[in-house]
Amino acid sequence: MNEILVLSTADTLSLAQEIASALVEAREAACVNIVPGIRSIYRWEGKVCNEGEFLIIIKSTSEKFEAVRARIRLLHTYQVPEVIALPITNGDADFLAWVRSSLQEAG
């Protein structure tokens, strides 16, 4: 498996927590960090927006990416939510093994 970080944002803490919980419960993410207090400045529908958001950092694998993307799209309130995957090129072997094991079905 190829471990990845998936980045997304949410406009409310409750939405970020809902997405995080759903991903971990479905074993699509091993862990999700929610970082409060970020600012996003972007262009939407011809206007420059400046909004407070919550950064969602998802630890998963490339094999689970489509499931992660689909769940975020399902739960998100944004018309076009951010869903960006970054490969983890190096990391602590024990931590990466834990990520992989956390995504396996219980049994």
N, C-alpha and C. Protein backbone atom coordinates (compact mmCIF):
# COMPACT_ATOMS: atom_id res chain seq x y z
N MET A 1 0.83 -1.18 0.00
CA MET A 1 0.00 0.00 0.00
C MET A 1 0.87 1.24 0.00
N ASN A 2 0.40 2.27 -0.62
CA ASN A 2 1.09 3.55 -0.65
C ASN A 2 0.35 4.53 0.24
N GLU A 3 1.00 4.94 1.32
CA GLU A 3 0.37 5.85 2.26
C GLU A 3 0.30 7.25 1.67
N ILE A 4 -0.79 7.95 2.00
CA ILE A 4 -1.01 9.30 1.51
C ILE A 4 -1.57 10.18 2.62
N LEU A 5 -1.44 11.49 2.41
CA LEU A 5 -2.17 12.48 3.19
C LEU A 5 -3.19 13.08 2.23
N VAL A 6 -4.42 13.18 2.69
CA VAL A 6 -5.46 13.84 1.90
C VAL A 6 -5.83 15.11 2.65
N LEU A 7 -5.84 16.22 1.92
CA LEU A 7 -6.19 17.51 2.51
C LEU A 7 -7.56 17.94 2.05
N SER A 8 -8.31 18.49 2.99
CA SER A 8 -9.60 19.08 2.68
C SER A 8 -9.81 20.21 3.67
N THR A 9 -10.88 20.96 3.48
CA THR A 9 -11.24 22.03 4.41
C THR A 9 -12.74 21.96 4.66
N ALA A 10 -13.16 22.59 5.75
CA ALA A 10 -14.58 22.69 6.07
C ALA A 10 -14.83 24.06 6.69
N ASP A 11 -16.04 24.55 6.53
CA ASP A 11 -16.35 25.87 7.08
C ASP A 11 -16.80 25.82 8.53
N THR A 12 -17.13 24.64 9.04
CA THR A 12 -17.53 24.52 10.45
C THR A 12 -16.81 23.35 11.11
N LEU A 13 -16.63 23.44 12.41
CA LEU A 13 -16.02 22.35 13.16
C LEU A 13 -16.91 21.12 13.10
N SER A 14 -18.21 21.30 13.18
CA SER A 14 -19.10 20.13 13.17
C SER A 14 -19.00 19.37 11.86
N LEU A 15 -18.88 20.05 10.73
CA LEU A 15 -18.72 19.36 9.45
C LEU A 15 -17.38 18.65 9.40
N ALA A 16 -16.31 19.29 9.85
CA ALA A 16 -15.00 18.65 9.87
C ALA A 16 -15.03 17.39 10.73
N GLN A 17 -15.68 17.44 11.88
CA GLN A 17 -15.78 16.28 12.76
C GLN A 17 -16.63 15.18 12.15
N GLU A 18 -17.71 15.56 11.47
CA GLU A 18 -18.56 14.57 10.80
C GLU A 18 -17.78 13.82 9.72
N ILE A 19 -17.04 14.55 8.91
CA ILE A 19 -16.23 13.92 7.87
C ILE A 19 -15.16 13.02 8.49
N ALA A 20 -14.46 13.53 9.49
CA ALA A 20 -13.39 12.77 10.15
C ALA A 20 -13.93 11.48 10.75
N SER A 21 -15.00 11.57 11.49
CA SER A 21 -15.58 10.38 12.13
C SER A 21 -16.03 9.36 11.10
N ALA A 22 -16.70 9.81 10.05
CA ALA A 22 -17.18 8.90 9.02
C ALA A 22 -16.03 8.17 8.34
N LEU A 23 -14.95 8.88 8.05
CA LEU A 23 -13.80 8.25 7.38
C LEU A 23 -13.13 7.21 8.26
N VAL A 24 -12.94 7.53 9.54
CA VAL A 24 -12.30 6.59 10.45
C VAL A 24 -13.21 5.39 10.72
N GLU A 25 -14.49 5.63 10.94
CA GLU A 25 -15.43 4.53 11.19
C GLU A 25 -15.51 3.58 10.00
N ALA A 26 -15.41 4.10 8.79
CA ALA A 26 -15.49 3.26 7.58
C ALA A 26 -14.14 2.63 7.23
N ARG A 27 -13.12 2.90 8.04
CA ARG A 27 -11.76 2.40 7.78
C ARG A 27 -11.20 2.90 6.45
N GLU A 28 -11.61 4.10 6.09
CA GLU A 28 -11.06 4.75 4.90
C GLU A 28 -9.92 5.67 5.29
N ALA A 29 -9.83 6.01 6.56
CA ALA A 29 -8.74 6.80 7.13
C ALA A 29 -8.32 6.17 8.44
N ALA A 30 -7.02 6.19 8.69
CA ALA A 30 -6.50 5.69 9.96
C ALA A 30 -6.64 6.76 11.04
N CYS A 31 -6.45 8.01 10.64
CA CYS A 31 -6.47 9.13 11.57
C CYS A 31 -6.80 10.38 10.78
N VAL A 32 -7.50 11.29 11.43
CA VAL A 32 -7.81 12.58 10.81
C VAL A 32 -7.51 13.68 11.82
N ASN A 33 -6.72 14.65 11.41
CA ASN A 33 -6.46 15.82 12.23
C ASN A 33 -7.32 16.97 11.74
N ILE A 34 -7.86 17.73 12.68
CA ILE A 34 -8.64 18.92 12.35
C ILE A 34 -7.88 20.11 12.93
N VAL A 35 -7.48 21.01 12.04
CA VAL A 35 -6.69 22.17 12.44
C VAL A 35 -7.57 23.41 12.33
N PRO A 36 -7.89 24.04 13.47
CA PRO A 36 -8.74 25.23 13.42
C PRO A 36 -7.93 26.47 13.07
N GLY A 37 -8.66 27.52 12.72
CA GLY A 37 -8.06 28.84 12.61
C GLY A 37 -7.28 29.12 11.34
N ILE A 38 -7.58 28.42 10.24
CA ILE A 38 -6.90 28.76 9.00
C ILE A 38 -7.73 29.80 8.23
N ARG A 39 -7.10 30.51 7.35
CA ARG A 39 -7.77 31.45 6.45
C ARG A 39 -7.59 30.95 5.04
N SER A 40 -8.63 30.97 4.28
CA SER A 40 -8.56 30.62 2.87
C SER A 40 -8.99 31.83 2.05
N ILE A 41 -8.13 32.21 1.15
CA ILE A 41 -8.43 33.31 0.23
C ILE A 41 -8.47 32.70 -1.15
N TYR A 42 -9.61 32.82 -1.81
CA TYR A 42 -9.82 32.13 -3.08
C TYR A 42 -10.82 32.90 -3.93
N ARG A 43 -10.87 32.54 -5.18
CA ARG A 43 -11.84 33.15 -6.09
C ARG A 43 -12.98 32.16 -6.29
N TRP A 44 -14.22 32.63 -6.12
CA TRP A 44 -15.39 31.79 -6.33
C TRP A 44 -16.48 32.64 -6.97
N GLU A 45 -16.98 32.17 -8.08
CA GLU A 45 -18.05 32.84 -8.82
C GLU A 45 -17.72 34.31 -9.07
N GLY A 46 -16.46 34.55 -9.49
CA GLY A 46 -16.04 35.88 -9.87
C GLY A 46 -15.67 36.82 -8.74
N LYS A 47 -15.75 36.35 -7.50
CA LYS A 47 -15.43 37.20 -6.35
C LYS A 47 -14.25 36.60 -5.58
N VAL A 48 -13.44 37.47 -4.99
CA VAL A 48 -12.38 37.02 -4.10
C VAL A 48 -12.98 36.88 -2.70
N CYS A 49 -12.86 35.70 -2.15
CA CYS A 49 -13.41 35.40 -0.83
C CYS A 49 -12.28 35.26 0.18
N ASN A 50 -12.56 35.60 1.42
CA ASN A 50 -11.60 35.50 2.51
C ASN A 50 -12.37 34.92 3.68
N GLU A 51 -12.19 33.62 3.92
CA GLU A 51 -13.03 32.90 4.88
C GLU A 51 -12.18 32.13 5.91
N GLY A 52 -12.70 32.03 7.11
CA GLY A 52 -12.13 31.15 8.11
C GLY A 52 -12.57 29.72 7.82
N GLU A 53 -11.65 28.78 7.97
CA GLU A 53 -11.97 27.37 7.73
C GLU A 53 -11.21 26.49 8.71
N PHE A 54 -11.53 25.20 8.64
CA PHE A 54 -10.83 24.16 9.38
C PHE A 54 -10.12 23.28 8.37
N LEU A 55 -8.83 23.05 8.57
CA LEU A 55 -8.07 22.17 7.70
C LEU A 55 -8.25 20.73 8.18
N ILE A 56 -8.55 19.84 7.26
CA ILE A 56 -8.73 18.42 7.57
C ILE A 56 -7.57 17.66 6.94
N ILE A 57 -6.77 16.99 7.78
CA ILE A 57 -5.61 16.22 7.32
C ILE A 57 -5.91 14.74 7.56
N ILE A 58 -5.98 13.99 6.48
CA ILE A 58 -6.43 12.59 6.52
C ILE A 58 -5.26 11.67 6.20
N LYS A 59 -4.99 10.68 7.08
CA LYS A 59 -3.96 9.68 6.81
C LYS A 59 -4.64 8.44 6.25
N SER A 60 -4.24 8.05 5.04
CA SER A 60 -4.88 6.92 4.37
C SER A 60 -3.88 6.29 3.41
N THR A 61 -4.39 5.56 2.42
CA THR A 61 -3.55 4.96 1.39
C THR A 61 -4.13 5.29 0.02
N SER A 62 -3.30 5.17 -0.98
CA SER A 62 -3.76 5.47 -2.34
C SER A 62 -4.89 4.53 -2.75
N GLU A 63 -4.89 3.31 -2.23
CA GLU A 63 -5.94 2.36 -2.54
C GLU A 63 -7.30 2.81 -1.99
N LYS A 64 -7.29 3.60 -0.95
CA LYS A 64 -8.53 4.08 -0.33
C LYS A 64 -8.94 5.48 -0.81
N PHE A 65 -8.11 6.10 -1.67
CA PHE A 65 -8.36 7.48 -2.05
C PHE A 65 -9.76 7.69 -2.64
N GLU A 66 -10.18 6.87 -3.57
CA GLU A 66 -11.49 7.08 -4.21
C GLU A 66 -12.62 6.99 -3.19
N ALA A 67 -12.51 6.09 -2.22
CA ALA A 67 -13.53 6.00 -1.17
C ALA A 67 -13.51 7.26 -0.30
N VAL A 68 -12.33 7.75 0.03
CA VAL A 68 -12.20 8.99 0.81
C VAL A 68 -12.81 10.15 0.03
N ARG A 69 -12.44 10.27 -1.24
CA ARG A 69 -12.96 11.35 -2.07
C ARG A 69 -14.49 11.30 -2.16
N ALA A 70 -15.02 10.10 -2.38
CA ALA A 70 -16.47 9.95 -2.51
C ALA A 70 -17.19 10.31 -1.21
N ARG A 71 -16.64 9.90 -0.08
CA ARG A 71 -17.29 10.20 1.20
C ARG A 71 -17.25 11.71 1.49
N ILE A 72 -16.12 12.35 1.22
CA ILE A 72 -16.05 13.80 1.41
C ILE A 72 -17.09 14.49 0.54
N ARG A 73 -17.17 14.10 -0.73
CA ARG A 73 -18.16 14.72 -1.64
C ARG A 73 -19.59 14.49 -1.15
N LEU A 74 -19.85 13.30 -0.59
CA LEU A 74 -21.18 12.97 -0.10
C LEU A 74 -21.58 13.83 1.10
N LEU A 75 -20.64 14.04 2.02
CA LEU A 75 -20.95 14.71 3.28
C LEU A 75 -20.75 16.22 3.23
N HIS A 76 -19.97 16.71 2.31
CA HIS A 76 -19.56 18.11 2.31
C HIS A 76 -20.68 19.03 1.86
N THR A 77 -20.67 20.23 2.40
CA THR A 77 -21.65 21.24 2.02
C THR A 77 -21.17 22.10 0.86
N TYR A 78 -19.87 22.07 0.56
CA TYR A 78 -19.33 22.86 -0.54
C TYR A 78 -19.71 22.24 -1.87
N GLN A 79 -19.96 23.08 -2.85
CA GLN A 79 -20.24 22.59 -4.21
C GLN A 79 -19.02 21.89 -4.79
N VAL A 80 -17.83 22.42 -4.50
CA VAL A 80 -16.57 21.84 -4.99
C VAL A 80 -15.59 21.76 -3.81
N PRO A 81 -15.68 20.71 -2.99
CA PRO A 81 -14.77 20.62 -1.85
C PRO A 81 -13.35 20.29 -2.28
N GLU A 82 -12.41 20.80 -1.52
CA GLU A 82 -11.00 20.45 -1.73
C GLU A 82 -10.79 18.99 -1.36
N VAL A 83 -10.18 18.23 -2.25
CA VAL A 83 -9.76 16.86 -1.95
C VAL A 83 -8.46 16.65 -2.72
N ILE A 84 -7.34 16.78 -2.01
CA ILE A 84 -6.02 16.69 -2.63
C ILE A 84 -5.22 15.63 -1.90
N ALA A 85 -4.65 14.69 -2.65
CA ALA A 85 -3.83 13.64 -2.05
C ALA A 85 -2.35 13.92 -2.30
N LEU A 86 -1.56 13.76 -1.26
CA LEU A 86 -0.11 13.90 -1.34
C LEU A 86 0.53 12.58 -0.91
N PRO A 87 1.50 12.08 -1.66
CA PRO A 87 2.15 10.84 -1.25
C PRO A 87 3.04 11.06 -0.03
N ILE A 88 3.08 10.07 0.82
CA ILE A 88 4.04 10.09 1.93
C ILE A 88 5.26 9.33 1.42
N THR A 89 6.35 10.04 1.22
CA THR A 89 7.53 9.41 0.63
C THR A 89 8.43 8.77 1.67
N ASN A 90 8.36 9.23 2.89
CA ASN A 90 9.11 8.65 4.01
C ASN A 90 8.31 8.86 5.28
N GLY A 91 8.55 7.99 6.24
CA GLY A 91 7.88 8.12 7.52
C GLY A 91 8.36 7.03 8.46
N ASP A 92 8.01 7.16 9.71
CA ASP A 92 8.35 6.14 10.69
C ASP A 92 7.68 4.83 10.30
N ALA A 93 8.46 3.76 10.20
CA ALA A 93 7.94 2.47 9.73
C ALA A 93 6.81 1.96 10.61
N ASP A 94 6.93 2.12 11.91
CA ASP A 94 5.88 1.65 12.82
C ASP A 94 4.58 2.45 12.62
N PHE A 95 4.71 3.76 12.44
CA PHE A 95 3.52 4.58 12.22
C PHE A 95 2.85 4.20 10.91
N LEU A 96 3.61 4.04 9.85
CA LEU A 96 3.04 3.69 8.56
C LEU A 96 2.39 2.30 8.59
N ALA A 97 2.98 1.38 9.34
CA ALA A 97 2.37 0.05 9.51
C ALA A 97 1.04 0.19 10.26
N TRP A 98 0.99 1.07 11.26
CA TRP A 98 -0.25 1.30 11.98
C TRP A 98 -1.31 1.87 11.05
N VAL A 99 -0.93 2.81 10.18
CA VAL A 99 -1.88 3.36 9.21
C VAL A 99 -2.47 2.22 8.38
N ARG A 100 -1.63 1.39 7.82
CA ARG A 100 -2.11 0.27 6.98
C ARG A 100 -3.02 -0.67 7.76
N SER A 101 -2.61 -1.03 8.98
CA SER A 101 -3.40 -1.98 9.77
C SER A 101 -4.74 -1.39 10.19
N SER A 102 -4.79 -0.08 10.38
CA SER A 102 -6.04 0.57 10.79
C SER A 102 -7.08 0.58 9.68
N LEU A 103 -6.64 0.40 8.46
CA LEU A 103 -7.56 0.43 7.31
C LEU A 103 -8.08 -0.95 6.95
N GLN A 104 -7.58 -1.97 7.60
CA GLN A 104 -8.02 -3.33 7.31
C GLN A 104 -9.29 -3.65 8.08
N GLU A 105 -10.11 -4.50 7.48
CA GLU A 105 -11.36 -4.91 8.13
C GLU A 105 -11.07 -5.64 9.43
N ALA A 106 -11.86 -5.37 10.44
CA ALA A 106 -11.72 -6.05 11.73
C ALA A 106 -12.08 -7.52 11.54
N GLY A 107 -11.40 -8.35 12.26
CA GLY A 107 -11.76 -9.75 12.08
C GLY A 107 -10.94 -10.60 12.86
